[in-house]
Amino acid sequence: MGSVNTQSQACSRGERLSALVDGEMFDGPDHGQFLAELDRADRAAWAHYHLIGDALRSDELALSPALSATFTARMSAALEAEPH
């Protein structure tokens, strides 16, 4: 039962960190404590979330519509070829 509780806490912690990065976590009574308790893994996740966000917003990394259409067509063909 302890491992389930630990997994639940980890999931909740990860969800809270994601919400914080997304600007969905508002100040509350435990907000400062949550920030103070971030460990090395949390800080690495924080950095990764921001890196992903930067990449998603980057015009330089955005695919052109032609490349996107080609990718979509190839992915659709690959999925159709999968056994049902």
PDB file of N, CA and C in Angstrom:
ATOM      1  N   MET A   1       0.816  -1.180   0.000  1.00  0.00           N
ATOM      2  CA  MET A   1       0.000   0.000   0.000  1.00  0.00           C
ATOM      3  C   MET A   1       0.866   1.252   0.000  1.00  0.00           C
ATOM      4  N   GLY A   2       2.013   1.175   0.599  1.00  0.00           N
ATOM      5  CA  GLY A   2       2.921   2.308   0.625  1.00  0.00           C
ATOM      6  C   GLY A   2       3.399   2.698  -0.755  1.00  0.00           C
ATOM      7  N   SER A   3       3.648   1.700  -1.629  1.00  0.00           N
ATOM      8  CA  SER A   3       4.131   2.024  -2.966  1.00  0.00           C
ATOM      9  C   SER A   3       3.044   2.702  -3.794  1.00  0.00           C
ATOM     10  N   VAL A   4       1.798   2.315  -3.583  1.00  0.00           N
ATOM     11  CA  VAL A   4       0.704   2.966  -4.297  1.00  0.00           C
ATOM     12  C   VAL A   4       0.624   4.425  -3.868  1.00  0.00           C
ATOM     13  N   ASN A   5       0.745   4.656  -2.565  1.00  0.00           N
ATOM     14  CA  ASN A   5       0.709   6.017  -2.052  1.00  0.00           C
ATOM     15  C   ASN A   5       1.879   6.826  -2.607  1.00  0.00           C
ATOM     16  N   THR A   6       3.062   6.216  -2.660  1.00  0.00           N
ATOM     17  CA  THR A   6       4.242   6.891  -3.195  1.00  0.00           C
ATOM     18  C   THR A   6       4.046   7.218  -4.672  1.00  0.00           C
ATOM     19  N   GLN A   7       3.495   6.266  -5.442  1.00  0.00           N
ATOM     20  CA  GLN A   7       3.242   6.510  -6.861  1.00  0.00           C
ATOM     21  C   GLN A   7       2.226   7.627  -7.036  1.00  0.00           C
ATOM     22  N   SER A   8       1.199   7.615  -6.209  1.00  0.00           N
ATOM     23  CA  SER A   8       0.180   8.653  -6.269  1.00  0.00           C
ATOM     24  C   SER A   8       0.777  10.018  -5.962  1.00  0.00           C
ATOM     25  N   GLN A   9       1.647  10.066  -4.958  1.00  0.00           N
ATOM     26  CA  GLN A   9       2.288  11.325  -4.604  1.00  0.00           C
ATOM     27  C   GLN A   9       3.192  11.805  -5.730  1.00  0.00           C
ATOM     28  N   ALA A  10       3.938  10.873  -6.344  1.00  0.00           N
ATOM     29  CA  ALA A  10       4.839  11.237  -7.438  1.00  0.00           C
ATOM     30  C   ALA A  10       4.042  11.758  -8.623  1.00  0.00           C
ATOM     31  N   CYS A  11       2.945  11.088  -8.940  1.00  0.00           N
ATOM     32  CA  CYS A  11       2.097  11.520 -10.046  1.00  0.00           C
ATOM     33  C   CYS A  11       1.529  12.897  -9.742  1.00  0.00           C
ATOM     34  N   SER A  12       1.032  13.049  -8.552  1.00  0.00           N
ATOM     35  CA  SER A  12       0.470  14.329  -8.150  1.00  0.00           C
ATOM     36  C   SER A  12       1.537  15.419  -8.208  1.00  0.00           C
ATOM     37  N   ARG A  13       2.733  15.083  -7.777  1.00  0.00           N
ATOM     38  CA  ARG A  13       3.837  16.048  -7.780  1.00  0.00           C
ATOM     39  C   ARG A  13       4.189  16.434  -9.217  1.00  0.00           C
ATOM     40  N   GLY A  14       4.262  15.431 -10.103  1.00  0.00           N
ATOM     41  CA  GLY A  14       4.550  15.698 -11.509  1.00  0.00           C
ATOM     42  C   GLY A  14       3.465  16.531 -12.165  1.00  0.00           C
ATOM     43  N   GLU A  15       2.215  16.223 -11.828  1.00  0.00           N
ATOM     44  CA  GLU A  15       1.101  16.991 -12.373  1.00  0.00           C
ATOM     45  C   GLU A  15       1.145  18.431 -11.876  1.00  0.00           C
ATOM     46  N   ARG A  16       1.488  18.595 -10.613  1.00  0.00           N
ATOM     47  CA  ARG A  16       1.572  19.945 -10.046  1.00  0.00           C
ATOM     48  C   ARG A  16       2.707  20.731 -10.705  1.00  0.00           C
ATOM     49  N   LEU A  17       3.833  20.054 -10.944  1.00  0.00           N
ATOM     50  CA  LEU A  17       4.960  20.725 -11.597  1.00  0.00           C
ATOM     51  C   LEU A  17       4.578  21.138 -13.017  1.00  0.00           C
ATOM     52  N   SER A  18       3.906  20.245 -13.731  1.00  0.00           N
ATOM     53  CA  SER A  18       3.457  20.560 -15.081  1.00  0.00           C
ATOM     54  C   SER A  18       2.483  21.737 -15.068  1.00  0.00           C
ATOM     55  N   ALA A  19       1.560  21.728 -14.120  1.00  0.00           N
ATOM     56  CA  ALA A  19       0.599  22.837 -13.999  1.00  0.00           C
ATOM     57  C   ALA A  19       1.320  24.145 -13.692  1.00  0.00           C
ATOM     58  N   LEU A  20       2.343  24.072 -12.871  1.00  0.00           N
ATOM     59  CA  LEU A  20       3.118  25.265 -12.533  1.00  0.00           C
ATOM     60  C   LEU A  20       3.789  25.836 -13.779  1.00  0.00           C
ATOM     61  N   VAL A  21       4.406  24.971 -14.576  1.00  0.00           N
ATOM     62  CA  VAL A  21       5.081  25.406 -15.797  1.00  0.00           C
ATOM     63  C   VAL A  21       4.074  25.991 -16.788  1.00  0.00           C
ATOM     64  N   ASP A  22       2.881  25.392 -16.843  1.00  0.00           N
ATOM     65  CA  ASP A  22       1.845  25.856 -17.769  1.00  0.00           C
ATOM     66  C   ASP A  22       1.122  27.104 -17.286  1.00  0.00           C
ATOM     67  N   GLY A  23       1.464  27.568 -16.089  1.00  0.00           N
ATOM     68  CA  GLY A  23       0.802  28.744 -15.543  1.00  0.00           C
ATOM     69  C   GLY A  23      -0.580  28.451 -15.006  1.00  0.00           C
ATOM     70  N   GLU A  24      -0.857  27.178 -14.732  1.00  0.00           N
ATOM     71  CA  GLU A  24      -2.172  26.779 -14.233  1.00  0.00           C
ATOM     72  C   GLU A  24      -2.194  26.591 -12.719  1.00  0.00           C
ATOM     73  N   MET A  25      -1.047  26.697 -12.083  1.00  0.00           N
ATOM     74  CA  MET A  25      -0.983  26.527 -10.629  1.00  0.00           C
ATOM     75  C   MET A  25      -0.940  27.912 -10.000  1.00  0.00           C
ATOM     76  N   PHE A  26      -1.952  28.210  -9.250  1.00  0.00           N
ATOM     77  CA  PHE A  26      -2.058  29.525  -8.649  1.00  0.00           C
ATOM     78  C   PHE A  26      -1.485  29.501  -7.244  1.00  0.00           C
ATOM     79  N   ASP A  27      -1.108  30.675  -6.787  1.00  0.00           N
ATOM     80  CA  ASP A  27      -0.588  30.786  -5.425  1.00  0.00           C
ATOM     81  C   ASP A  27      -1.611  30.245  -4.442  1.00  0.00           C
ATOM     82  N   GLY A  28      -1.119  29.473  -3.530  1.00  0.00           N
ATOM     83  CA  GLY A  28      -1.963  28.927  -2.477  1.00  0.00           C
ATOM     84  C   GLY A  28      -1.133  28.801  -1.229  1.00  0.00           C
ATOM     85  N   PRO A  29      -1.728  28.259  -0.199  1.00  0.00           N
ATOM     86  CA  PRO A  29      -1.005  28.171   1.067  1.00  0.00           C
ATOM     87  C   PRO A  29       0.254  27.308   0.993  1.00  0.00           C
ATOM     88  N   ASP A  30       0.255  26.309   0.107  1.00  0.00           N
ATOM     89  CA  ASP A  30       1.430  25.425   0.037  1.00  0.00           C
ATOM     90  C   ASP A  30       2.273  25.669  -1.208  1.00  0.00           C
ATOM     91  N   HIS A  31       1.997  26.728  -1.944  1.00  0.00           N
ATOM     92  CA  HIS A  31       2.722  27.020  -3.185  1.00  0.00           C
ATOM     93  C   HIS A  31       4.217  27.220  -2.925  1.00  0.00           C
ATOM     94  N   GLY A  32       4.546  28.052  -1.959  1.00  0.00           N
ATOM     95  CA  GLY A  32       5.948  28.310  -1.631  1.00  0.00           C
ATOM     96  C   GLY A  32       6.652  27.072  -1.130  1.00  0.00           C
ATOM     97  N   GLN A  33       5.953  26.277  -0.343  1.00  0.00           N
ATOM     98  CA  GLN A  33       6.540  25.042   0.177  1.00  0.00           C
ATOM     99  C   GLN A  33       6.810  24.072  -0.970  1.00  0.00           C
ATOM    100  N   PHE A  34       5.874  23.985  -1.918  1.00  0.00           N
ATOM    101  CA  PHE A  34       6.063  23.111  -3.073  1.00  0.00           C
ATOM    102  C   PHE A  34       7.320  23.507  -3.838  1.00  0.00           C
ATOM    103  N   LEU A  35       7.487  24.805  -4.081  1.00  0.00           N
ATOM    104  CA  LEU A  35       8.674  25.282  -4.792  1.00  0.00           C
ATOM    105  C   LEU A  35       9.949  24.977  -4.018  1.00  0.00           C
ATOM    106  N   ALA A  36       9.906  25.143  -2.711  1.00  0.00           N
ATOM    107  CA  ALA A  36      11.085  24.903  -1.877  1.00  0.00           C
ATOM    108  C   ALA A  36      11.475  23.432  -1.858  1.00  0.00           C
ATOM    109  N   GLU A  37      10.507  22.546  -2.073  1.00  0.00           N
ATOM    110  CA  GLU A  37      10.765  21.109  -1.988  1.00  0.00           C
ATOM    111  C   GLU A  37      11.153  20.479  -3.325  1.00  0.00           C
ATOM    112  N   LEU A  38      11.269  21.276  -4.381  1.00  0.00           N
ATOM    113  CA  LEU A  38      11.669  20.707  -5.668  1.00  0.00           C
ATOM    114  C   LEU A  38      13.068  20.116  -5.553  1.00  0.00           C
ATOM    115  N   ASP A  39      13.208  18.874  -5.997  1.00  0.00           N
ATOM    116  CA  ASP A  39      14.514  18.223  -5.932  1.00  0.00           C
ATOM    117  C   ASP A  39      15.196  18.289  -7.304  1.00  0.00           C
ATOM    118  N   ARG A  40      16.321  17.625  -7.424  1.00  0.00           N
ATOM    119  CA  ARG A  40      17.101  17.665  -8.668  1.00  0.00           C
ATOM    120  C   ARG A  40      16.284  17.149  -9.855  1.00  0.00           C
ATOM    121  N   ALA A  41      15.551  16.056  -9.664  1.00  0.00           N
ATOM    122  CA  ALA A  41      14.733  15.498 -10.748  1.00  0.00           C
ATOM    123  C   ALA A  41      13.622  16.470 -11.147  1.00  0.00           C
ATOM    124  N   ASP A  42      13.014  17.120 -10.148  1.00  0.00           N
ATOM    125  CA  ASP A  42      11.967  18.106 -10.433  1.00  0.00           C
ATOM    126  C   ASP A  42      12.532  19.267 -11.238  1.00  0.00           C
ATOM    127  N   ARG A  43      13.718  19.722 -10.852  1.00  0.00           N
ATOM    128  CA  ARG A  43      14.330  20.853 -11.559  1.00  0.00           C
ATOM    129  C   ARG A  43      14.714  20.462 -12.990  1.00  0.00           C
ATOM    130  N   ALA A  44      15.129  19.210 -13.180  1.00  0.00           N
ATOM    131  CA  ALA A  44      15.432  18.727 -14.531  1.00  0.00           C
ATOM    132  C   ALA A  44      14.151  18.670 -15.363  1.00  0.00           C
ATOM    133  N   ALA A  45      13.068  18.186 -14.754  1.00  0.00           N
ATOM    134  CA  ALA A  45      11.780  18.149 -15.454  1.00  0.00           C
ATOM    135  C   ALA A  45      11.341  19.565 -15.813  1.00  0.00           C
ATOM    136  N   TRP A  46      11.526  20.492 -14.878  1.00  0.00           N
ATOM    137  CA  TRP A  46      11.193  21.907 -15.108  1.00  0.00           C
ATOM    138  C   TRP A  46      11.936  22.416 -16.346  1.00  0.00           C
ATOM    139  N   ALA A  47      13.226  22.134 -16.406  1.00  0.00           N
ATOM    140  CA  ALA A  47      14.036  22.579 -17.544  1.00  0.00           C
ATOM    141  C   ALA A  47      13.555  21.932 -18.841  1.00  0.00           C
ATOM    142  N   HIS A  48      13.226  20.633 -18.781  1.00  0.00           N
ATOM    143  CA  HIS A  48      12.741  19.940 -19.980  1.00  0.00           C
ATOM    144  C   HIS A  48      11.409  20.519 -20.445  1.00  0.00           C
ATOM    145  N   TYR A  49      10.502  20.782 -19.516  1.00  0.00           N
ATOM    146  CA  TYR A  49       9.209  21.373 -19.886  1.00  0.00           C
ATOM    147  C   TYR A  49       9.415  22.702 -20.611  1.00  0.00           C
ATOM    148  N   HIS A  50      10.326  23.516 -20.103  1.00  0.00           N
ATOM    149  CA  HIS A  50      10.572  24.810 -20.736  1.00  0.00           C
ATOM    150  C   HIS A  50      11.243  24.643 -22.096  1.00  0.00           C
ATOM    151  N   LEU A  51      12.145  23.686 -22.222  1.00  0.00           N
ATOM    152  CA  LEU A  51      12.792  23.414 -23.503  1.00  0.00           C
ATOM    153  C   LEU A  51      11.760  22.962 -24.534  1.00  0.00           C
ATOM    154  N   ILE A  52      10.861  22.084 -24.126  1.00  0.00           N
ATOM    155  CA  ILE A  52       9.798  21.614 -25.025  1.00  0.00           C
ATOM    156  C   ILE A  52       8.912  22.781 -25.445  1.00  0.00           C
ATOM    157  N   GLY A  53       8.536  23.607 -24.479  1.00  0.00           N
ATOM    158  CA  GLY A  53       7.708  24.775 -24.793  1.00  0.00           C
ATOM    159  C   GLY A  53       8.396  25.716 -25.759  1.00  0.00           C
ATOM    160  N   ASP A  54       9.681  25.953 -25.543  1.00  0.00           N
ATOM    161  CA  ASP A  54      10.443  26.820 -26.448  1.00  0.00           C
ATOM    162  C   ASP A  54      10.465  26.244 -27.860  1.00  0.00           C
ATOM    163  N   ALA A  55      10.656  24.930 -27.960  1.00  0.00           N
ATOM    164  CA  ALA A  55      10.691  24.289 -29.276  1.00  0.00           C
ATOM    165  C   ALA A  55       9.329  24.381 -29.966  1.00  0.00           C
ATOM    166  N   LEU A  56       8.258  24.192 -29.202  1.00  0.00           N
ATOM    167  CA  LEU A  56       6.920  24.265 -29.789  1.00  0.00           C
ATOM    168  C   LEU A  56       6.580  25.669 -30.285  1.00  0.00           C
ATOM    169  N   ARG A  57       7.112  26.675 -29.628  1.00  0.00           N
ATOM    170  CA  ARG A  57       6.822  28.058 -30.010  1.00  0.00           C
ATOM    171  C   ARG A  57       7.800  28.612 -31.045  1.00  0.00           C
ATOM    172  N   SER A  58       8.842  27.885 -31.372  1.00  0.00           N
ATOM    173  CA  SER A  58       9.891  28.383 -32.252  1.00  0.00           C
ATOM    174  C   SER A  58       9.464  28.362 -33.719  1.00  0.00           C
ATOM    175  N   ASP A  59       9.538  29.516 -34.357  1.00  0.00           N
ATOM    176  CA  ASP A  59       9.273  29.580 -35.794  1.00  0.00           C
ATOM    177  C   ASP A  59      10.359  28.849 -36.579  1.00  0.00           C
ATOM    178  N   GLU A  60      11.574  28.857 -36.071  1.00  0.00           N
ATOM    179  CA  GLU A  60      12.690  28.207 -36.755  1.00  0.00           C
ATOM    180  C   GLU A  60      12.532  26.690 -36.780  1.00  0.00           C
ATOM    181  N   LEU A  61      11.871  26.133 -35.776  1.00  0.00           N
ATOM    182  CA  LEU A  61      11.714  24.687 -35.697  1.00  0.00           C
ATOM    183  C   LEU A  61      10.372  24.203 -36.233  1.00  0.00           C
ATOM    184  N   ALA A  62       9.497  25.127 -36.581  1.00  0.00           N
ATOM    185  CA  ALA A  62       8.180  24.756 -37.086  1.00  0.00           C
ATOM    186  C   ALA A  62       8.314  24.130 -38.471  1.00  0.00           C
ATOM    187  N   LEU A  63       7.526  23.107 -38.708  1.00  0.00           N
ATOM    188  CA  LEU A  63       7.523  22.473 -40.021  1.00  0.00           C
ATOM    189  C   LEU A  63       6.696  23.299 -40.989  1.00  0.00           C
ATOM    190  N   SER A  64       7.152  23.309 -42.219  1.00  0.00           N
ATOM    191  CA  SER A  64       6.350  23.975 -43.241  1.00  0.00           C
ATOM    192  C   SER A  64       5.101  23.128 -43.484  1.00  0.00           C
ATOM    193  N   PRO A  65       4.022  23.730 -43.968  1.00  0.00           N
ATOM    194  CA  PRO A  65       2.809  22.948 -44.239  1.00  0.00           C
ATOM    195  C   PRO A  65       3.054  21.789 -45.197  1.00  0.00           C
ATOM    196  N   ALA A  66       3.941  21.971 -46.170  1.00  0.00           N
ATOM    197  CA  ALA A  66       4.227  20.893 -47.125  1.00  0.00           C
ATOM    198  C   ALA A  66       4.879  19.708 -46.424  1.00  0.00           C
ATOM    199  N   LEU A  67       5.853  19.980 -45.559  1.00  0.00           N
ATOM    200  CA  LEU A  67       6.502  18.890 -44.828  1.00  0.00           C
ATOM    201  C   LEU A  67       5.521  18.222 -43.878  1.00  0.00           C
ATOM    202  N   SER A  68       4.676  19.004 -43.251  1.00  0.00           N
ATOM    203  CA  SER A  68       3.694  18.461 -42.328  1.00  0.00           C
ATOM    204  C   SER A  68       2.713  17.551 -43.072  1.00  0.00           C
ATOM    205  N   ALA A  69       2.275  17.965 -44.252  1.00  0.00           N
ATOM    206  CA  ALA A  69       1.350  17.158 -45.047  1.00  0.00           C
ATOM    207  C   ALA A  69       2.018  15.859 -45.486  1.00  0.00           C
ATOM    208  N   THR A  70       3.286  15.939 -45.865  1.00  0.00           N
ATOM    209  CA  THR A  70       4.027  14.742 -46.258  1.00  0.00           C
ATOM    210  C   THR A  70       4.152  13.785 -45.084  1.00  0.00           C
ATOM    211  N   PHE A  71       4.495  14.306 -43.927  1.00  0.00           N
ATOM    212  CA  PHE A  71       4.610  13.477 -42.730  1.00  0.00           C
ATOM    213  C   PHE A  71       3.271  12.820 -42.406  1.00  0.00           C
ATOM    214  N   THR A  72       2.207  13.598 -42.460  1.00  0.00           N
ATOM    215  CA  THR A  72       0.880  13.066 -42.150  1.00  0.00           C
ATOM    216  C   THR A  72       0.497  11.959 -43.120  1.00  0.00           C
ATOM    217  N   ALA A  73       0.781  12.147 -44.389  1.00  0.00           N
ATOM    218  CA  ALA A  73       0.463  11.126 -45.393  1.00  0.00           C
ATOM    219  C   ALA A  73       1.263   9.851 -45.143  1.00  0.00           C
ATOM    220  N   ARG A  74       2.543   9.998 -44.836  1.00  0.00           N
ATOM    221  CA  ARG A  74       3.379   8.825 -44.569  1.00  0.00           C
ATOM    222  C   ARG A  74       2.931   8.106 -43.306  1.00  0.00           C
ATOM    223  N   MET A  75       2.584   8.860 -42.273  1.00  0.00           N
ATOM    224  CA  MET A  75       2.127   8.250 -41.029  1.00  0.00           C
ATOM    225  C   MET A  75       0.798   7.527 -41.252  1.00  0.00           C
ATOM    226  N   SER A  76      -0.095   8.129 -42.004  1.00  0.00           N
ATOM    227  CA  SER A  76      -1.383   7.493 -42.304  1.00  0.00           C
ATOM    228  C   SER A  76      -1.179   6.190 -43.065  1.00  0.00           C
ATOM    229  N   ALA A  77      -0.278   6.202 -44.034  1.00  0.00           N
ATOM    230  CA  ALA A  77       0.007   4.989 -44.805  1.00  0.00           C
ATOM    231  C   ALA A  77       0.601   3.906 -43.913  1.00  0.00           C
ATOM    232  N   ALA A  78       1.497   4.295 -43.020  1.00  0.00           N
ATOM    233  CA  ALA A  78       2.105   3.318 -42.107  1.00  0.00           C
ATOM    234  C   ALA A  78       1.058   2.728 -41.172  1.00  0.00           C
ATOM    235  N   LEU A  79       0.150   3.547 -40.698  1.00  0.00           N
ATOM    236  CA  LEU A  79      -0.906   3.041 -39.808  1.00  0.00           C
ATOM    237  C   LEU A  79      -1.861   2.120 -40.552  1.00  0.00           C
ATOM    238  N   GLU A  80      -2.167   2.448 -41.791  1.00  0.00           N
ATOM    239  CA  GLU A  80      -3.032   1.587 -42.602  1.00  0.00           C
ATOM    240  C   GLU A  80      -2.384   0.228 -42.846  1.00  0.00           C
ATOM    241  N   ALA A  81      -1.066   0.207 -42.953  1.00  0.00           N
ATOM    242  CA  ALA A  81      -0.342  -1.039 -43.209  1.00  0.00           C
ATOM    243  C   ALA A  81      -0.260  -1.934 -41.976  1.00  0.00           C
ATOM    244  N   GLU A  82      -0.548  -1.381 -40.811  1.00  0.00           N
ATOM    245  CA  GLU A  82      -0.510  -2.168 -39.570  1.00  0.00           C
ATOM    246  C   GLU A  82      -1.610  -3.226 -39.599  1.00  0.00           C
ATOM    247  N   PRO A  83      -1.310  -4.418 -39.062  1.00  0.00           N
ATOM    248  CA  PRO A  83      -2.363  -5.445 -38.984  1.00  0.00           C
ATOM    249  C   PRO A  83      -3.485  -4.990 -38.045  1.00  0.00           C
ATOM    250  N   HIS A  84      -4.687  -5.327 -38.400  1.00  0.00           N
ATOM    251  CA  HIS A  84      -5.847  -4.909 -37.594  1.00  0.00           C
ATOM    252  C   HIS A  84      -6.238  -5.969 -36.638  1.00  0.00           C
TER     253      HIS A  84
END
